[in-house]
N, C-alpha and C. Protein backbone atom coordinates (compact mmCIF):
# COMPACT_ATOMS: atom_id res chain seq x y z
N MET A 1 -10.89 -21.60 -17.67
CA MET A 1 -11.73 -22.75 -17.47
C MET A 1 -12.50 -23.07 -18.74
N SER A 2 -12.99 -22.03 -19.41
CA SER A 2 -13.76 -22.29 -20.63
C SER A 2 -12.88 -22.90 -21.71
N ARG A 3 -11.58 -22.51 -21.77
CA ARG A 3 -10.66 -23.13 -22.73
C ARG A 3 -10.51 -24.62 -22.45
N LEU A 4 -10.40 -24.97 -21.18
CA LEU A 4 -10.26 -26.37 -20.79
C LEU A 4 -11.50 -27.16 -21.18
N LEU A 5 -12.67 -26.63 -20.91
CA LEU A 5 -13.90 -27.34 -21.24
C LEU A 5 -14.09 -27.49 -22.74
N ARG A 6 -13.68 -26.46 -23.52
CA ARG A 6 -13.78 -26.57 -24.99
C ARG A 6 -12.81 -27.61 -25.52
N ALA A 7 -11.64 -27.73 -24.90
CA ALA A 7 -10.62 -28.68 -25.37
C ALA A 7 -10.88 -30.09 -24.89
N LEU A 8 -11.68 -30.25 -23.86
CA LEU A 8 -11.89 -31.56 -23.25
C LEU A 8 -12.36 -32.64 -24.21
N PRO A 9 -13.36 -32.40 -25.07
CA PRO A 9 -13.78 -33.48 -25.98
C PRO A 9 -12.64 -33.98 -26.87
N GLY A 10 -11.77 -33.10 -27.31
CA GLY A 10 -10.64 -33.51 -28.14
C GLY A 10 -9.59 -34.28 -27.38
N LEU A 11 -9.51 -34.06 -26.08
CA LEU A 11 -8.52 -34.76 -25.27
C LEU A 11 -9.01 -36.13 -24.84
N LEU A 12 -10.32 -36.29 -24.69
CA LEU A 12 -10.86 -37.53 -24.17
C LEU A 12 -10.58 -38.73 -25.06
N PHE A 13 -10.53 -38.54 -26.37
CA PHE A 13 -10.31 -39.68 -27.26
C PHE A 13 -8.92 -40.27 -27.11
N ARG A 14 -8.02 -39.57 -26.45
CA ARG A 14 -6.64 -40.03 -26.34
C ARG A 14 -6.44 -41.11 -25.29
N GLU A 15 -7.42 -41.34 -24.41
CA GLU A 15 -7.25 -42.37 -23.39
C GLU A 15 -7.34 -43.73 -24.04
N ALA A 16 -6.43 -44.62 -23.68
CA ALA A 16 -6.43 -45.97 -24.23
C ALA A 16 -7.60 -46.76 -23.67
N PRO A 17 -8.02 -47.81 -24.38
CA PRO A 17 -9.08 -48.65 -23.85
C PRO A 17 -8.71 -49.20 -22.49
N ARG A 18 -9.69 -49.40 -21.62
CA ARG A 18 -9.43 -49.86 -20.25
C ARG A 18 -8.66 -51.16 -20.23
N ARG A 19 -8.93 -52.08 -21.16
CA ARG A 19 -8.20 -53.35 -21.16
C ARG A 19 -6.71 -53.13 -21.35
N ALA A 20 -6.32 -52.09 -22.11
CA ALA A 20 -4.90 -51.83 -22.31
C ALA A 20 -4.28 -51.27 -21.04
N VAL A 21 -5.06 -50.49 -20.30
CA VAL A 21 -4.56 -49.92 -19.06
C VAL A 21 -4.26 -51.03 -18.07
N LEU A 22 -5.14 -52.02 -18.01
CA LEU A 22 -5.00 -53.06 -17.02
C LEU A 22 -4.22 -54.27 -17.53
N GLY A 23 -3.96 -54.32 -18.84
CA GLY A 23 -3.14 -55.39 -19.36
C GLY A 23 -3.90 -56.67 -19.67
N ARG A 24 -5.23 -56.63 -19.63
CA ARG A 24 -6.01 -57.82 -19.98
C ARG A 24 -7.42 -57.41 -20.37
N ALA A 25 -8.03 -58.19 -21.20
CA ALA A 25 -9.40 -57.90 -21.63
C ALA A 25 -10.34 -58.03 -20.45
N GLY A 26 -11.38 -57.23 -20.45
CA GLY A 26 -12.39 -57.35 -19.41
C GLY A 26 -12.13 -56.47 -18.21
N GLY A 27 -10.95 -55.88 -18.09
CA GLY A 27 -10.66 -54.97 -16.99
C GLY A 27 -10.61 -55.68 -15.66
N GLY A 28 -10.99 -54.95 -14.63
CA GLY A 28 -10.98 -55.49 -13.27
C GLY A 28 -9.69 -55.15 -12.58
N GLY A 29 -9.72 -55.20 -11.29
CA GLY A 29 -8.51 -54.95 -10.50
C GLY A 29 -8.27 -53.47 -10.32
N GLY A 30 -7.19 -53.15 -9.70
CA GLY A 30 -6.83 -51.77 -9.42
C GLY A 30 -5.52 -51.45 -10.06
N PRO A 31 -4.82 -50.46 -9.53
CA PRO A 31 -3.54 -50.08 -10.09
C PRO A 31 -2.60 -51.27 -10.18
N GLY A 32 -2.03 -51.44 -11.36
CA GLY A 32 -1.06 -52.51 -11.55
C GLY A 32 -1.69 -53.86 -11.75
N ALA A 33 -3.04 -53.93 -11.87
CA ALA A 33 -3.68 -55.23 -12.05
C ALA A 33 -3.26 -55.85 -13.35
N GLY A 34 -3.31 -57.15 -13.42
CA GLY A 34 -2.95 -57.85 -14.65
C GLY A 34 -2.03 -59.00 -14.34
N THR A 35 -1.83 -59.82 -15.33
CA THR A 35 -1.03 -61.01 -15.12
C THR A 35 0.42 -60.79 -15.50
N GLY A 36 0.69 -59.69 -16.19
CA GLY A 36 2.06 -59.43 -16.60
C GLY A 36 2.26 -59.59 -18.08
N HIS A 37 1.29 -60.16 -18.78
CA HIS A 37 1.46 -60.34 -20.22
C HIS A 37 0.37 -59.69 -21.03
N GLY A 38 -0.83 -59.51 -20.51
CA GLY A 38 -1.90 -58.86 -21.24
C GLY A 38 -2.42 -59.73 -22.36
N ASP A 39 -3.39 -59.17 -23.11
CA ASP A 39 -3.95 -59.89 -24.24
C ASP A 39 -3.34 -59.35 -25.52
N ALA A 40 -3.77 -59.88 -26.65
CA ALA A 40 -3.19 -59.48 -27.94
C ALA A 40 -3.42 -58.01 -28.23
N GLY A 41 -4.49 -57.41 -27.68
CA GLY A 41 -4.77 -56.01 -27.95
C GLY A 41 -4.14 -55.07 -26.95
N SER A 42 -3.41 -55.57 -26.01
CA SER A 42 -2.83 -54.75 -24.96
C SER A 42 -1.71 -53.87 -25.52
N LEU A 43 -1.65 -52.63 -25.02
CA LEU A 43 -0.61 -51.71 -25.44
C LEU A 43 0.64 -51.82 -24.59
N THR A 44 0.53 -52.49 -23.47
CA THR A 44 1.66 -52.55 -22.56
C THR A 44 1.59 -53.81 -21.71
N LYS A 45 2.73 -54.15 -21.15
CA LYS A 45 2.78 -55.25 -20.19
C LYS A 45 2.76 -54.63 -18.81
N CYS A 46 1.88 -55.11 -17.97
CA CYS A 46 1.77 -54.58 -16.61
C CYS A 46 2.61 -55.41 -15.65
N GLU A 47 3.22 -54.72 -14.70
CA GLU A 47 3.92 -55.43 -13.65
C GLU A 47 2.88 -56.14 -12.79
N PRO A 48 3.28 -57.20 -12.12
CA PRO A 48 2.35 -57.83 -11.18
C PRO A 48 1.90 -56.80 -10.15
N SER A 49 0.67 -56.95 -9.69
CA SER A 49 0.13 -56.01 -8.71
C SER A 49 0.98 -56.00 -7.45
N LEU A 50 1.16 -54.83 -6.92
CA LEU A 50 1.78 -54.71 -5.61
C LEU A 50 0.69 -54.30 -4.64
N THR A 51 0.77 -54.78 -3.45
CA THR A 51 -0.19 -54.39 -2.43
C THR A 51 0.16 -52.99 -1.93
N LYS A 52 -0.75 -52.39 -1.21
CA LYS A 52 -0.50 -51.08 -0.62
C LYS A 52 0.76 -51.13 0.25
N SER A 53 0.89 -52.17 1.02
CA SER A 53 2.04 -52.34 1.90
C SER A 53 3.34 -52.44 1.10
N GLU A 54 3.31 -53.17 0.00
CA GLU A 54 4.51 -53.31 -0.84
C GLU A 54 4.91 -51.99 -1.49
N TRP A 55 3.90 -51.22 -1.96
CA TRP A 55 4.20 -49.90 -2.52
C TRP A 55 4.80 -49.00 -1.44
N GLN A 56 4.26 -49.07 -0.23
CA GLN A 56 4.78 -48.24 0.86
C GLN A 56 6.22 -48.58 1.19
N LYS A 57 6.60 -49.84 1.06
CA LYS A 57 7.99 -50.25 1.31
C LYS A 57 8.91 -49.80 0.18
N LYS A 58 8.41 -49.80 -1.05
CA LYS A 58 9.22 -49.47 -2.22
C LYS A 58 9.43 -47.96 -2.38
N LEU A 59 8.46 -47.16 -1.97
CA LEU A 59 8.47 -45.72 -2.20
C LEU A 59 8.65 -44.94 -0.91
N THR A 60 9.12 -43.70 -1.03
CA THR A 60 9.14 -42.80 0.13
C THR A 60 7.69 -42.42 0.43
N PRO A 61 7.42 -41.90 1.63
CA PRO A 61 6.05 -41.48 1.94
C PRO A 61 5.50 -40.45 0.95
N GLU A 62 6.34 -39.50 0.52
CA GLU A 62 5.88 -38.49 -0.44
C GLU A 62 5.61 -39.12 -1.81
N GLN A 63 6.47 -40.02 -2.27
CA GLN A 63 6.25 -40.70 -3.55
C GLN A 63 4.97 -41.52 -3.50
N PHE A 64 4.74 -42.22 -2.40
CA PHE A 64 3.54 -43.02 -2.24
C PHE A 64 2.30 -42.13 -2.28
N TYR A 65 2.32 -41.04 -1.55
CA TYR A 65 1.19 -40.12 -1.50
C TYR A 65 0.84 -39.60 -2.90
N VAL A 66 1.82 -39.17 -3.65
CA VAL A 66 1.57 -38.61 -4.98
C VAL A 66 1.18 -39.69 -5.98
N THR A 67 1.96 -40.75 -6.09
CA THR A 67 1.74 -41.73 -7.16
C THR A 67 0.62 -42.72 -6.90
N ARG A 68 0.42 -43.12 -5.66
CA ARG A 68 -0.57 -44.16 -5.37
C ARG A 68 -1.86 -43.58 -4.81
N GLU A 69 -1.79 -42.38 -4.20
CA GLU A 69 -2.98 -41.77 -3.61
C GLU A 69 -3.41 -40.50 -4.34
N LYS A 70 -2.81 -40.22 -5.49
CA LYS A 70 -3.15 -39.09 -6.36
C LYS A 70 -2.96 -37.74 -5.67
N GLY A 71 -1.88 -37.63 -4.93
CA GLY A 71 -1.58 -36.36 -4.27
C GLY A 71 -0.81 -35.43 -5.18
N THR A 72 -0.41 -34.29 -4.62
CA THR A 72 0.37 -33.29 -5.35
C THR A 72 1.45 -32.76 -4.43
N GLU A 73 2.67 -32.66 -4.95
CA GLU A 73 3.73 -32.06 -4.16
C GLU A 73 3.52 -30.55 -4.12
N PRO A 74 4.02 -29.87 -3.09
CA PRO A 74 3.87 -28.42 -3.03
C PRO A 74 4.57 -27.75 -4.23
N PRO A 75 3.99 -26.66 -4.75
CA PRO A 75 4.62 -25.96 -5.88
C PRO A 75 6.00 -25.44 -5.50
N PHE A 76 6.87 -25.40 -6.48
CA PHE A 76 8.25 -24.89 -6.36
C PHE A 76 9.10 -25.70 -5.38
N SER A 77 8.70 -26.93 -5.07
CA SER A 77 9.46 -27.75 -4.13
C SER A 77 10.15 -28.93 -4.79
N GLY A 78 9.81 -29.24 -6.02
CA GLY A 78 10.28 -30.45 -6.67
C GLY A 78 11.74 -30.42 -7.09
N LEU A 79 12.39 -31.56 -6.95
CA LEU A 79 13.79 -31.75 -7.30
C LEU A 79 14.07 -31.41 -8.77
N TYR A 80 13.13 -31.69 -9.67
CA TYR A 80 13.39 -31.53 -11.10
C TYR A 80 12.82 -30.25 -11.70
N LEU A 81 12.24 -29.39 -10.88
CA LEU A 81 11.66 -28.16 -11.38
C LEU A 81 12.65 -27.36 -12.23
N ASN A 82 13.84 -27.18 -11.74
CA ASN A 82 14.84 -26.37 -12.44
C ASN A 82 15.94 -27.19 -13.10
N ASN A 83 15.74 -28.49 -13.22
CA ASN A 83 16.74 -29.35 -13.85
C ASN A 83 16.84 -29.02 -15.34
N GLU A 84 18.05 -28.72 -15.81
CA GLU A 84 18.26 -28.39 -17.22
C GLU A 84 19.17 -29.40 -17.91
N GLU A 85 19.51 -30.50 -17.22
CA GLU A 85 20.34 -31.55 -17.82
C GLU A 85 19.59 -32.27 -18.94
N ALA A 86 20.34 -32.74 -19.93
CA ALA A 86 19.75 -33.54 -21.00
C ALA A 86 19.58 -34.97 -20.51
N GLY A 87 18.43 -35.56 -20.79
CA GLY A 87 18.19 -36.94 -20.39
C GLY A 87 16.72 -37.29 -20.46
N MET A 88 16.35 -38.34 -19.73
CA MET A 88 14.99 -38.88 -19.77
C MET A 88 14.43 -38.96 -18.35
N TYR A 89 13.17 -38.62 -18.24
CA TYR A 89 12.44 -38.73 -16.98
C TYR A 89 11.63 -40.02 -17.01
N HIS A 90 11.80 -40.84 -15.98
CA HIS A 90 11.16 -42.15 -15.88
C HIS A 90 10.18 -42.17 -14.72
N CYS A 91 9.26 -43.13 -14.74
CA CYS A 91 8.32 -43.33 -13.64
C CYS A 91 9.08 -43.82 -12.41
N VAL A 92 8.86 -43.21 -11.27
CA VAL A 92 9.53 -43.60 -10.04
C VAL A 92 9.09 -44.98 -9.56
N CYS A 93 7.90 -45.41 -9.98
CA CYS A 93 7.36 -46.69 -9.53
C CYS A 93 7.85 -47.87 -10.37
N CYS A 94 7.89 -47.72 -11.69
CA CYS A 94 8.19 -48.87 -12.55
C CYS A 94 9.32 -48.62 -13.55
N ASP A 95 9.89 -47.44 -13.58
CA ASP A 95 11.03 -47.08 -14.42
C ASP A 95 10.70 -46.93 -15.91
N SER A 96 9.43 -46.81 -16.27
CA SER A 96 9.07 -46.58 -17.68
C SER A 96 9.52 -45.19 -18.11
N PRO A 97 10.10 -45.05 -19.31
CA PRO A 97 10.45 -43.72 -19.81
C PRO A 97 9.19 -42.92 -20.13
N LEU A 98 9.11 -41.69 -19.65
CA LEU A 98 7.88 -40.90 -19.78
C LEU A 98 8.06 -39.59 -20.54
N PHE A 99 9.08 -38.81 -20.17
CA PHE A 99 9.26 -37.49 -20.75
C PHE A 99 10.74 -37.23 -21.04
N SER A 100 11.01 -36.63 -22.19
CA SER A 100 12.37 -36.26 -22.56
C SER A 100 12.66 -34.84 -22.11
N SER A 101 13.90 -34.60 -21.73
CA SER A 101 14.30 -33.24 -21.34
C SER A 101 14.16 -32.28 -22.52
N GLU A 102 14.16 -32.79 -23.75
CA GLU A 102 14.02 -31.95 -24.94
C GLU A 102 12.65 -31.27 -25.00
N LYS A 103 11.67 -31.82 -24.31
CA LYS A 103 10.31 -31.26 -24.32
C LYS A 103 9.95 -30.58 -23.01
N LYS A 104 10.96 -30.40 -22.13
CA LYS A 104 10.75 -29.74 -20.84
C LYS A 104 10.90 -28.23 -21.04
N TYR A 105 10.08 -27.46 -20.37
CA TYR A 105 10.18 -26.00 -20.44
C TYR A 105 9.74 -25.40 -19.11
N CYS A 106 10.07 -24.15 -18.91
CA CYS A 106 9.70 -23.44 -17.69
C CYS A 106 8.34 -22.78 -17.89
N SER A 107 7.33 -23.28 -17.19
CA SER A 107 5.98 -22.73 -17.32
C SER A 107 5.70 -21.68 -16.25
N GLY A 108 6.54 -21.63 -15.21
CA GLY A 108 6.33 -20.70 -14.12
C GLY A 108 5.24 -21.13 -13.14
N THR A 109 4.75 -22.36 -13.27
CA THR A 109 3.65 -22.84 -12.43
C THR A 109 4.10 -23.49 -11.14
N GLY A 110 5.38 -23.86 -11.05
CA GLY A 110 5.88 -24.48 -9.82
C GLY A 110 6.11 -25.97 -9.93
N TRP A 111 5.81 -26.57 -11.08
CA TRP A 111 6.04 -28.00 -11.31
C TRP A 111 6.76 -28.17 -12.64
N PRO A 112 7.54 -29.24 -12.79
CA PRO A 112 8.16 -29.51 -14.09
C PRO A 112 7.08 -29.60 -15.17
N SER A 113 7.32 -28.95 -16.29
CA SER A 113 6.35 -28.93 -17.38
C SER A 113 6.98 -29.45 -18.66
N PHE A 114 6.19 -30.18 -19.42
CA PHE A 114 6.63 -30.77 -20.68
C PHE A 114 5.56 -30.49 -21.74
N SER A 115 5.99 -30.28 -22.98
CA SER A 115 5.04 -30.01 -24.05
C SER A 115 4.47 -31.27 -24.68
N GLU A 116 5.12 -32.41 -24.49
CA GLU A 116 4.58 -33.68 -24.96
C GLU A 116 5.31 -34.83 -24.27
N ALA A 117 4.66 -36.00 -24.29
CA ALA A 117 5.24 -37.20 -23.69
C ALA A 117 6.24 -37.83 -24.65
N HIS A 118 7.22 -38.52 -24.10
CA HIS A 118 8.22 -39.23 -24.90
C HIS A 118 7.52 -40.27 -25.76
N GLY A 119 7.81 -40.28 -27.06
CA GLY A 119 7.21 -41.25 -27.98
C GLY A 119 5.99 -40.74 -28.72
N ALA A 120 5.54 -39.52 -28.39
CA ALA A 120 4.39 -38.96 -29.08
C ALA A 120 4.75 -38.62 -30.51
N SER A 121 3.79 -38.79 -31.40
CA SER A 121 3.95 -38.42 -32.80
C SER A 121 2.75 -37.56 -33.16
N GLY A 122 2.93 -36.25 -33.06
CA GLY A 122 1.79 -35.35 -33.23
C GLY A 122 0.79 -35.59 -32.12
N SER A 123 -0.46 -35.83 -32.46
CA SER A 123 -1.48 -36.09 -31.44
C SER A 123 -1.59 -37.57 -31.08
N ASP A 124 -0.78 -38.41 -31.73
CA ASP A 124 -0.80 -39.85 -31.45
C ASP A 124 0.10 -40.16 -30.25
N GLU A 125 -0.51 -40.59 -29.16
CA GLU A 125 0.23 -40.93 -27.94
C GLU A 125 0.26 -42.43 -27.70
N SER A 126 -0.06 -43.23 -28.70
CA SER A 126 -0.14 -44.68 -28.51
C SER A 126 1.21 -45.31 -28.18
N GLN A 127 2.31 -44.66 -28.56
CA GLN A 127 3.64 -45.20 -28.29
C GLN A 127 4.32 -44.55 -27.09
N THR A 128 3.54 -43.82 -26.31
CA THR A 128 4.09 -43.16 -25.12
C THR A 128 3.91 -44.05 -23.90
N GLY A 129 4.47 -43.62 -22.78
CA GLY A 129 4.33 -44.35 -21.52
C GLY A 129 3.24 -43.80 -20.64
N ILE A 130 2.38 -42.93 -21.20
CA ILE A 130 1.36 -42.29 -20.39
C ILE A 130 -0.04 -42.56 -20.92
N LEU A 131 -1.01 -42.36 -20.05
CA LEU A 131 -2.43 -42.38 -20.41
C LEU A 131 -3.07 -41.15 -19.80
N ARG A 132 -4.15 -40.70 -20.42
CA ARG A 132 -4.93 -39.58 -19.91
C ARG A 132 -6.25 -40.12 -19.34
N ARG A 133 -6.68 -39.54 -18.25
CA ARG A 133 -7.96 -39.90 -17.64
C ARG A 133 -8.67 -38.64 -17.17
N LEU A 134 -9.97 -38.61 -17.35
CA LEU A 134 -10.76 -37.49 -16.85
C LEU A 134 -10.74 -37.49 -15.33
N ASP A 135 -10.46 -36.34 -14.74
CA ASP A 135 -10.41 -36.18 -13.28
C ASP A 135 -11.37 -35.07 -12.89
N THR A 136 -12.40 -35.42 -12.13
CA THR A 136 -13.36 -34.43 -11.65
C THR A 136 -13.31 -34.33 -10.12
N SER A 137 -12.23 -34.76 -9.53
CA SER A 137 -12.12 -34.84 -8.06
C SER A 137 -12.23 -33.50 -7.35
N LEU A 138 -11.89 -32.40 -8.00
CA LEU A 138 -11.98 -31.09 -7.36
C LEU A 138 -13.21 -30.32 -7.80
N GLY A 139 -14.15 -31.03 -8.45
CA GLY A 139 -15.38 -30.38 -8.86
C GLY A 139 -15.33 -29.74 -10.24
N SER A 140 -14.19 -29.81 -10.90
CA SER A 140 -14.09 -29.32 -12.27
C SER A 140 -13.37 -30.38 -13.10
N ALA A 141 -13.50 -30.28 -14.40
CA ALA A 141 -12.90 -31.27 -15.30
C ALA A 141 -11.43 -30.95 -15.56
N ARG A 142 -10.57 -31.92 -15.25
CA ARG A 142 -9.14 -31.83 -15.57
C ARG A 142 -8.74 -33.15 -16.20
N MET A 143 -7.61 -33.17 -16.88
CA MET A 143 -7.13 -34.40 -17.49
C MET A 143 -5.92 -34.90 -16.70
N GLU A 144 -6.11 -36.02 -16.00
CA GLU A 144 -5.04 -36.64 -15.22
C GLU A 144 -4.09 -37.37 -16.15
N VAL A 145 -2.81 -37.41 -15.78
CA VAL A 145 -1.80 -38.17 -16.51
C VAL A 145 -1.31 -39.28 -15.60
N VAL A 146 -1.39 -40.53 -16.09
CA VAL A 146 -0.92 -41.69 -15.33
C VAL A 146 0.07 -42.48 -16.16
N CYS A 147 0.91 -43.25 -15.48
CA CYS A 147 1.85 -44.14 -16.14
C CYS A 147 1.07 -45.31 -16.74
N LYS A 148 1.32 -45.59 -18.00
CA LYS A 148 0.64 -46.70 -18.68
C LYS A 148 1.03 -48.04 -18.10
N GLN A 149 2.26 -48.17 -17.62
CA GLN A 149 2.77 -49.44 -17.11
C GLN A 149 2.19 -49.81 -15.75
N CYS A 150 2.19 -48.87 -14.81
CA CYS A 150 1.81 -49.20 -13.43
C CYS A 150 0.68 -48.35 -12.87
N GLU A 151 0.16 -47.45 -13.68
CA GLU A 151 -0.95 -46.56 -13.31
C GLU A 151 -0.61 -45.57 -12.20
N ALA A 152 0.65 -45.24 -12.04
CA ALA A 152 1.03 -44.22 -11.07
C ALA A 152 0.48 -42.87 -11.51
N HIS A 153 -0.06 -42.12 -10.56
CA HIS A 153 -0.49 -40.75 -10.83
C HIS A 153 0.77 -39.91 -11.02
N LEU A 154 0.83 -39.17 -12.13
CA LEU A 154 1.99 -38.34 -12.43
C LEU A 154 1.68 -36.85 -12.28
N GLY A 155 0.50 -36.44 -12.66
CA GLY A 155 0.11 -35.04 -12.63
C GLY A 155 -1.10 -34.83 -13.53
N HIS A 156 -1.13 -33.68 -14.22
CA HIS A 156 -2.24 -33.35 -15.11
C HIS A 156 -1.70 -32.69 -16.38
N VAL A 157 -2.52 -32.68 -17.42
CA VAL A 157 -2.16 -31.99 -18.66
C VAL A 157 -3.23 -30.94 -18.94
N PHE A 158 -2.77 -29.76 -19.35
CA PHE A 158 -3.66 -28.63 -19.60
C PHE A 158 -3.44 -28.10 -21.01
N PRO A 159 -4.47 -27.48 -21.61
CA PRO A 159 -4.35 -26.98 -22.98
C PRO A 159 -3.83 -25.56 -23.06
N ASP A 160 -2.85 -25.22 -22.22
CA ASP A 160 -2.31 -23.85 -22.24
C ASP A 160 -0.79 -23.85 -22.40
N GLY A 161 -0.27 -24.86 -23.09
CA GLY A 161 1.17 -24.96 -23.29
C GLY A 161 1.64 -24.27 -24.55
N PRO A 162 2.92 -24.36 -24.83
CA PRO A 162 3.50 -23.69 -26.00
C PRO A 162 3.17 -24.41 -27.32
N ALA A 163 3.32 -23.67 -28.41
CA ALA A 163 3.16 -24.25 -29.75
C ALA A 163 4.30 -25.24 -29.95
N PRO A 164 4.20 -26.22 -30.77
CA PRO A 164 3.05 -26.48 -31.63
C PRO A 164 1.97 -27.33 -30.97
N THR A 165 2.23 -27.96 -29.83
CA THR A 165 1.25 -28.88 -29.24
C THR A 165 0.16 -28.16 -28.45
N GLY A 166 0.50 -27.03 -27.83
CA GLY A 166 -0.46 -26.32 -27.00
C GLY A 166 -0.73 -27.02 -25.68
N GLN A 167 0.11 -28.00 -25.33
CA GLN A 167 -0.10 -28.78 -24.12
C GLN A 167 0.91 -28.41 -23.04
N ARG A 168 0.45 -28.52 -21.78
CA ARG A 168 1.35 -28.36 -20.64
C ARG A 168 1.14 -29.56 -19.73
N PHE A 169 2.09 -30.50 -19.80
CA PHE A 169 2.07 -31.63 -18.88
C PHE A 169 2.69 -31.13 -17.59
N CYS A 170 1.89 -30.99 -16.57
CA CYS A 170 2.29 -30.48 -15.26
C CYS A 170 2.53 -31.72 -14.38
N ILE A 171 3.79 -32.07 -14.16
CA ILE A 171 4.15 -33.36 -13.57
C ILE A 171 4.87 -33.18 -12.24
N ASN A 172 4.51 -33.99 -11.26
CA ASN A 172 5.16 -33.95 -9.94
C ASN A 172 6.57 -34.53 -10.03
N SER A 173 7.54 -33.82 -9.50
CA SER A 173 8.93 -34.31 -9.47
C SER A 173 9.04 -35.65 -8.76
N VAL A 174 8.32 -35.82 -7.65
CA VAL A 174 8.45 -37.05 -6.87
C VAL A 174 7.91 -38.28 -7.60
N ALA A 175 7.17 -38.07 -8.69
CA ALA A 175 6.67 -39.19 -9.49
C ALA A 175 7.71 -39.63 -10.53
N LEU A 176 8.84 -38.94 -10.57
CA LEU A 176 9.83 -39.16 -11.61
C LEU A 176 11.20 -39.53 -11.04
N THR A 177 11.99 -40.21 -11.87
CA THR A 177 13.43 -40.32 -11.66
C THR A 177 14.06 -39.82 -12.96
N PHE A 178 15.18 -39.18 -12.83
CA PHE A 178 15.85 -38.61 -14.01
C PHE A 178 17.11 -39.41 -14.33
N LYS A 179 17.31 -39.73 -15.59
CA LYS A 179 18.50 -40.42 -16.04
C LYS A 179 19.19 -39.53 -17.08
N PRO A 180 20.37 -39.00 -16.72
CA PRO A 180 21.09 -38.13 -17.66
C PRO A 180 21.48 -38.87 -18.93
N ARG A 181 21.53 -38.12 -20.02
CA ARG A 181 21.97 -38.70 -21.30
C ARG A 181 23.47 -38.99 -21.19
N GLU A 182 23.87 -40.13 -21.70
CA GLU A 182 25.29 -40.52 -21.64
C GLU A 182 26.03 -40.14 -22.88
């Protein structure tokens, strides 16, 4: 816990400005808010907002629970936990590429683990499909990982991963779809 708290200030600067998360200056709205084009400073284009009912129709109950309600799948139950195929992991909600199989490793924690997000360049995550957000929902500080495109909850990142990044992206399988390399 003390390692996490010491690392927290260094991790907090990595979250993109709120306007980039929502796709327009001034913020507002909830997950997926935005007009679809964003402003000149936006890092991503957001899909039009879907209502709760529309997300429920698009996703399985487990996918909806994890991605839209910030749930967690049971450990050692995920489809991609032991997947060793080469390819790319995408967001189950919007199909954004998130993690490469090249950065996947076995952490022994019960969830697929990655040492960095696809598109990262050292500590620069501006070209990735993810954002980090402080999560204090369980009474302690953790860093939540969400999809930059649609704000789907993916999992959390911890500072106890392998070198050289020292990061462990602990991601729910149900938040992902896998596309094998061709």
